[in-house]
C-alpha cells in the first residue's frame, strides 16, 4: 500500500465504546529501554463515528541508528538530522492518544513498551495497564501464523508496498484488522490442548482484548509474571519464579538494585507499589 493514499480510503468501521489509536514506530534498534523512536505514525478512530485523524512524525533520536535497523526501515541519519527531538513532540503525541485504546502490529512486545518508555522519560505516563490493547499480530499468529505482508495479502487481497514505512504499515494494520473481523466472524478457536473458544474474533474491542491477553504477563518486558495463584513473581535472575513481595521482605537491597538498574519504568512502578505496600503493613 502506498503511504500517499488518502486516509479517506480507509475502509474500517469498528464498533467502539472508546476511541482507539492504531500506531506503528520505527526506531534506532530493538531494545525498548535503550533504543529510541525515529518515526511514529498514528491513526485515531473515534467512538462517535467521525472521520479518523492521522499523525505522522520523524524524530531525531539523539543516538546512532543501528545498521540492522537502517537495513529494515531505510531511515538514515540525514533523514532525521533536522527533525525535533522526542521531548519536543511528546505532549503532541500524548494529547493525540488521549484516553484511547491502542492497537498495532506486534505492538504489545515492541511498539507499546517503547512508546511508554519514551513518553515516561519526558513526564507523560501512558498508563498502558489502564488501556485495552489490540495487537493485530496476535490475532494473525493465533489464527494464521504469518507476517504483516502476508496478512495484508490474505485479508485484503493486495500486495503491501513500502513495508516498514510507519504510516504505510499502520494503514495496512487497520485494513488487516477489518479483514480479520470479516474472515473469522463465527469461527471458533481451538488451542493446542483442544479447548474451544466460541467465535472469539468479533467487532468488539473488549472481546478482542480479552481473547488476546495473557493475564500471567504483568509488564511488557516480561520481567514480572503472575503465578497460578495470581501473585506477582520474578521472571528473571536469582529469584526467578519467587514472589516479589516475599523477596523484598527478606532482601530489600534487591528492590534498590532494580530501581537503580536498566529496567523499564513500568517494572519500577510495579515493584515500588509492592514495596510501598510492604512498608505500609509495617507502619
Protein backbone atom coordinates (compact mmCIF):
# COMPACT_ATOMS: atom_id res chain seq x y z
CA UNK A 1 0.00 0.00 0.00
CA UNK A 2 1.28 3.42 -0.89
CA UNK A 3 1.66 5.79 2.11
CA UNK A 4 0.44 8.62 -0.10
CA UNK A 5 -3.05 7.04 -0.23
CA UNK A 6 -5.63 9.43 1.20
CA UNK A 7 -6.90 8.47 4.65
CA UNK A 8 -10.49 8.76 3.46
CA UNK A 9 -9.90 5.45 1.65
CA UNK A 10 -9.52 3.62 4.97
CA UNK A 11 -12.32 1.06 4.98
CA UNK A 12 -12.73 0.03 8.59
CA UNK A 13 -15.94 0.52 10.58
CA UNK A 14 -15.37 -0.58 14.15
CA UNK A 15 -17.88 -0.88 17.00
CA UNK A 16 -16.24 1.33 19.61
CA UNK A 17 -17.13 2.27 23.16
CA UNK A 18 -13.82 4.16 23.39
CA UNK A 19 -11.64 5.90 20.83
CA UNK A 20 -8.85 3.68 19.50
CA UNK A 21 -5.43 4.66 18.14
CA UNK A 22 -3.64 2.41 15.67
CA UNK A 23 0.09 3.15 15.67
CA UNK A 24 3.49 2.00 14.47
CA UNK A 25 7.02 3.12 15.24
CA UNK A 26 10.44 2.78 13.64
CA UNK A 27 13.46 3.00 15.91
CA UNK A 28 17.24 3.02 16.26
CA UNK A 29 17.16 -0.66 17.31
CA UNK A 30 15.15 -3.33 19.10
CA UNK A 31 15.98 -2.63 22.76
CA UNK A 32 12.83 -0.99 24.14
CA UNK A 33 14.77 0.59 27.02
CA UNK A 34 17.98 1.77 25.36
CA UNK A 35 16.89 2.48 21.77
CA UNK A 36 14.85 5.46 20.64
CA UNK A 37 11.97 6.24 18.29
CA UNK A 38 12.83 7.86 14.95
CA UNK A 39 9.42 7.67 13.27
CA UNK A 40 5.90 7.34 14.64
CA UNK A 41 2.57 7.22 12.86
CA UNK A 42 -0.86 7.12 14.48
CA UNK A 43 -4.41 6.89 13.17
CA UNK A 44 -7.21 7.65 15.61
CA UNK A 45 -10.71 6.23 15.22
CA UNK A 46 -13.45 7.91 17.24
CA UNK A 47 -16.30 6.22 19.06
CA UNK A 48 -18.67 8.95 17.81
CA UNK A 49 -18.04 7.88 14.20
CA UNK A 50 -16.33 11.00 12.89
CA UNK A 51 -13.57 10.69 10.31
CA UNK A 52 -10.26 9.19 11.51
CA UNK A 53 -7.32 11.54 12.18
CA UNK A 54 -3.68 10.84 11.34
CA UNK A 55 -0.42 11.98 12.90
CA UNK A 56 2.98 11.06 11.42
CA UNK A 57 6.29 12.38 12.71
CA UNK A 58 10.01 11.91 12.16
CA UNK A 59 12.13 12.31 15.30
CA UNK A 60 15.81 12.97 15.91
CA UNK A 61 16.73 10.26 18.45
CA UNK A 62 19.96 11.84 19.64
CA UNK A 63 21.75 8.47 19.36
CA UNK A 64 23.06 6.47 16.39
CA UNK A 65 20.76 4.30 14.28
CA UNK A 66 21.99 0.72 14.16
CA UNK A 67 22.94 -0.71 10.78
CA UNK A 68 20.45 -3.54 11.32
CA UNK A 69 17.58 -1.11 11.93
CA UNK A 70 18.57 1.04 8.95
CA UNK A 71 18.51 -2.00 6.69
CA UNK A 72 14.90 -2.64 7.72
CA UNK A 73 13.27 0.80 7.64
CA UNK A 74 15.72 2.69 5.41
CA UNK A 75 15.70 5.85 7.56
CA UNK A 76 19.18 7.40 7.64
CA UNK A 77 20.82 9.97 9.93
CA UNK A 78 20.40 12.56 7.16
CA UNK A 79 16.65 11.94 7.15
CA UNK A 80 16.23 12.84 10.82
CA UNK A 81 19.13 15.25 11.47
CA UNK A 82 16.92 18.38 11.33
CA UNK A 83 13.85 16.80 12.93
CA UNK A 84 12.73 17.63 16.50
CA UNK A 85 13.82 15.58 19.49
CA UNK A 86 11.17 13.39 21.07
CA UNK A 87 10.79 15.75 24.01
CA UNK A 88 9.55 18.44 21.65
CA UNK A 89 6.70 16.27 20.33
CA UNK A 90 5.92 14.12 23.40
CA UNK A 91 2.97 16.25 24.52
CA UNK A 92 1.57 16.33 20.98
CA UNK A 93 1.67 12.52 20.81
CA UNK A 94 0.28 12.10 24.33
CA UNK A 95 -2.58 14.52 23.68
CA UNK A 96 -3.36 12.87 20.32
CA UNK A 97 -3.74 9.49 22.04
CA UNK A 98 -5.79 10.90 24.91
CA UNK A 99 -7.80 8.19 26.68
CA UNK A 100 -7.93 5.92 23.63
CA UNK A 101 -7.29 2.21 23.47
CA UNK A 102 -4.22 1.22 21.45
CA UNK A 103 -3.67 -1.14 18.54
CA UNK A 104 -0.77 -2.09 16.33
CA UNK A 105 1.09 -5.00 14.77
CA UNK A 106 3.40 -6.66 17.32
CA UNK A 107 2.62 -3.63 19.45
CA UNK A 108 2.41 -5.43 22.82
CA UNK A 109 6.01 -6.68 22.60
CA UNK A 110 7.69 -3.72 20.92
CA UNK A 111 5.83 -0.56 19.90
CA UNK A 112 3.80 -0.08 23.08
CA UNK A 113 6.62 -0.62 25.60
CA UNK A 114 8.97 1.60 23.58
CA UNK A 115 6.40 4.39 23.31
CA UNK A 116 5.58 4.05 27.00
CA UNK A 117 9.25 4.44 27.89
CA UNK A 118 9.80 7.43 25.57
CA UNK A 119 6.79 9.28 26.95
CA UNK A 120 7.69 8.46 30.55
CA UNK A 121 11.17 9.95 30.10
CA UNK A 122 9.52 13.25 29.29
CA UNK A 123 6.95 13.29 32.08
CA UNK A 124 3.98 11.60 30.41
CA UNK A 125 2.63 8.37 31.90
CA UNK A 126 0.75 6.45 29.19
CA UNK A 127 -0.59 4.02 31.84
CA UNK A 128 -0.90 1.06 29.45
CA UNK A 129 -2.37 -1.05 32.24
CA UNK A 130 -5.47 1.18 32.14
CA UNK A 131 -6.00 0.82 28.37
CA UNK A 132 -7.16 -2.06 26.21
CA UNK A 133 -4.55 -3.27 23.76
CA UNK A 134 -5.44 -4.94 20.47
CA UNK A 135 -2.29 -6.47 18.99
CA UNK A 136 -3.35 -7.41 15.46
CA UNK A 137 -0.35 -9.73 15.10
CA UNK A 138 -1.70 -11.90 17.92
CA UNK A 139 -4.96 -12.47 16.04
CA UNK A 140 -2.99 -13.34 12.94
CA UNK A 141 -0.50 -15.61 14.72
CA UNK A 142 -3.24 -17.44 16.58
CA UNK A 143 -5.41 -17.93 13.52
CA UNK A 144 -2.96 -17.81 10.55
CA UNK A 145 0.74 -17.59 11.59
CA UNK A 146 2.34 -15.22 9.02
CA UNK A 147 3.94 -11.74 8.59
CA UNK A 148 2.24 -8.35 8.11
CA UNK A 149 2.89 -8.51 4.37
CA UNK A 150 1.31 -11.95 4.19
CA UNK A 151 -1.55 -10.82 6.42
CA UNK A 152 -2.25 -7.95 4.05
CA UNK A 153 -2.31 -10.38 1.14
CA UNK A 154 -4.57 -12.86 2.94
CA UNK A 155 -7.07 -10.47 4.45
CA UNK A 156 -7.03 -7.59 1.97
CA UNK A 157 -6.15 -9.38 -1.27
CA UNK A 158 -3.45 -6.84 -2.14
CA UNK A 159 0.33 -6.58 -2.09
CA UNK A 160 1.83 -4.36 0.64
CA UNK A 161 4.16 -1.80 -0.92
CA UNK A 162 6.54 0.31 1.21
CA UNK A 163 6.56 -2.14 4.13
CA UNK A 164 8.42 -0.71 7.15
CA UNK A 165 7.34 2.82 6.37
CA UNK A 166 5.46 3.55 9.60
CA UNK A 167 2.41 5.18 8.04
CA UNK A 168 2.10 2.51 5.34
CA UNK A 169 2.38 -0.21 8.00
CA UNK A 170 -0.20 1.32 10.32
CA UNK A 171 -2.66 1.82 7.44
CA UNK A 172 -2.13 -1.81 6.49
CA UNK A 173 -2.75 -2.83 10.10
CA UNK A 174 -6.13 -1.07 10.06
CA UNK A 175 -7.13 -2.90 6.88
CA UNK A 176 -5.88 -6.25 8.19
CA UNK A 177 -7.99 -5.98 11.36
CA UNK A 178 -11.05 -5.13 9.27
CA UNK A 179 -10.32 -8.19 7.10
CA UNK A 180 -9.82 -10.43 10.14
CA UNK A 181 -13.16 -9.38 11.62
CA UNK A 182 -14.85 -10.37 8.38
CA UNK A 183 -12.95 -13.64 7.82
CA UNK A 184 -13.26 -15.00 11.36
CA UNK A 185 -16.84 -13.96 12.09
CA UNK A 186 -18.42 -17.01 13.75
CA UNK A 187 -15.20 -19.08 13.60
CA UNK A 188 -14.25 -21.00 16.76
CA UNK A 189 -10.68 -21.06 18.09
CA UNK A 190 -9.19 -24.40 19.17
CA UNK A 191 -5.96 -24.17 21.17
CA UNK A 192 -3.13 -26.73 21.31
CA UNK A 193 -4.86 -28.64 24.12
CA UNK A 194 -8.11 -28.94 22.22
CA UNK A 195 -10.02 -26.34 24.24
CA UNK A 196 -12.55 -24.44 22.17
CA UNK A 197 -13.30 -20.71 22.39
CA UNK A 198 -16.56 -19.97 20.64
CA UNK A 199 -16.23 -17.30 17.91
CA UNK A 200 -13.70 -15.07 19.73
CA UNK A 201 -12.99 -12.70 16.82
CA UNK A 202 -15.77 -10.14 16.77
CA UNK A 203 -16.20 -6.41 16.21
CA UNK A 204 -15.91 -5.67 19.91
CA UNK A 205 -12.66 -4.28 21.31
CA UNK A 206 -13.26 -5.62 24.83
CA UNK A 207 -13.82 -9.13 23.44
CA UNK A 208 -10.69 -8.92 21.27
CA UNK A 209 -8.61 -7.62 24.18
CA UNK A 210 -9.82 -10.47 26.41
CA UNK A 211 -9.09 -13.10 23.75
CA UNK A 212 -5.58 -11.80 23.03
CA UNK A 213 -4.44 -11.04 26.56
CA UNK A 214 -2.10 -13.27 28.52
CA UNK A 215 -3.05 -12.35 32.07
CA UNK A 216 0.04 -14.05 33.50
CA UNK A 217 2.16 -11.26 31.96
CA UNK A 218 2.48 -8.24 34.25
CA UNK A 219 4.77 -5.95 32.26
CA UNK A 220 5.65 -5.56 28.59
CA UNK A 221 9.27 -6.58 29.05
CA UNK A 222 8.04 -9.76 30.81
CA UNK A 223 10.36 -9.33 33.76
CA UNK A 224 7.38 -9.94 36.05
CA UNK A 225 4.58 -12.52 35.77
CA UNK A 226 1.67 -13.87 37.80
CA UNK A 227 1.75 -17.39 39.18
CA UNK A 228 -1.20 -19.78 39.31
CA UNK A 229 -2.47 -18.02 42.45
CA UNK A 230 -2.29 -14.59 40.80
CA UNK A 231 0.70 -13.38 42.84
CA UNK A 232 3.41 -11.35 41.07
CA UNK A 233 6.66 -13.29 40.71
CA UNK A 234 10.06 -12.58 39.19
CA UNK A 235 10.64 -13.88 35.67
CA UNK A 236 14.44 -13.44 35.70
CA UNK A 237 17.54 -13.58 37.83
CA UNK A 238 18.44 -15.29 41.07
CA UNK A 239 14.90 -15.01 42.44
CA UNK A 240 13.24 -16.34 39.30
CA UNK A 241 9.69 -17.69 39.99
CA UNK A 242 9.71 -16.37 43.57
CA UNK A 243 7.04 -13.96 44.84
CA UNK A 244 8.24 -10.37 44.62
CA UNK A 245 6.71 -9.42 47.98
CA UNK A 246 8.41 -12.36 49.74
CA UNK A 247 11.79 -11.48 48.23
CA UNK A 248 11.51 -7.82 49.21
CA UNK A 249 10.62 -8.70 52.80
CA UNK A 250 13.91 -10.56 53.23
CA UNK A 251 16.13 -8.70 50.73
CA UNK A 252 15.34 -5.01 50.33
CA UNK A 253 18.67 -4.49 48.61
CA UNK A 254 17.25 -6.36 45.63
CA UNK A 255 14.46 -3.78 45.39
CA UNK A 256 17.00 -0.93 45.44
CA UNK A 257 19.10 -2.74 42.83
CA UNK A 258 16.12 -2.96 40.46
CA UNK A 259 15.28 0.72 40.95
CA UNK A 260 18.86 1.71 40.06
CA UNK A 261 19.33 -0.60 37.08
CA UNK A 262 18.15 -0.53 33.46
CA UNK A 263 14.62 -1.86 33.98
CA UNK A 264 11.54 -0.36 32.36
CA UNK A 265 9.57 2.42 34.01
CA UNK A 266 6.62 0.01 34.18
CA UNK A 267 8.62 -2.60 36.13
CA UNK A 268 9.93 0.05 38.52
CA UNK A 269 6.43 1.42 39.10
CA UNK A 270 5.07 -2.06 39.88
CA UNK A 271 7.87 -3.08 42.27
CA UNK A 272 7.66 0.31 44.01
CA UNK A 273 3.94 -0.26 44.58
CA UNK A 274 4.71 -3.67 46.08
CA UNK A 275 7.41 -2.23 48.33
CA UNK A 276 5.13 0.62 49.41
CA UNK A 277 2.53 -1.99 50.39
CA UNK A 278 5.09 -3.86 52.48
CA UNK A 279 6.14 -0.64 54.26
CA UNK A 280 2.53 0.31 55.00
CA UNK A 281 1.96 -3.10 56.60
CA UNK A 282 4.89 -2.49 58.94
CA UNK A 283 3.80 1.00 59.97
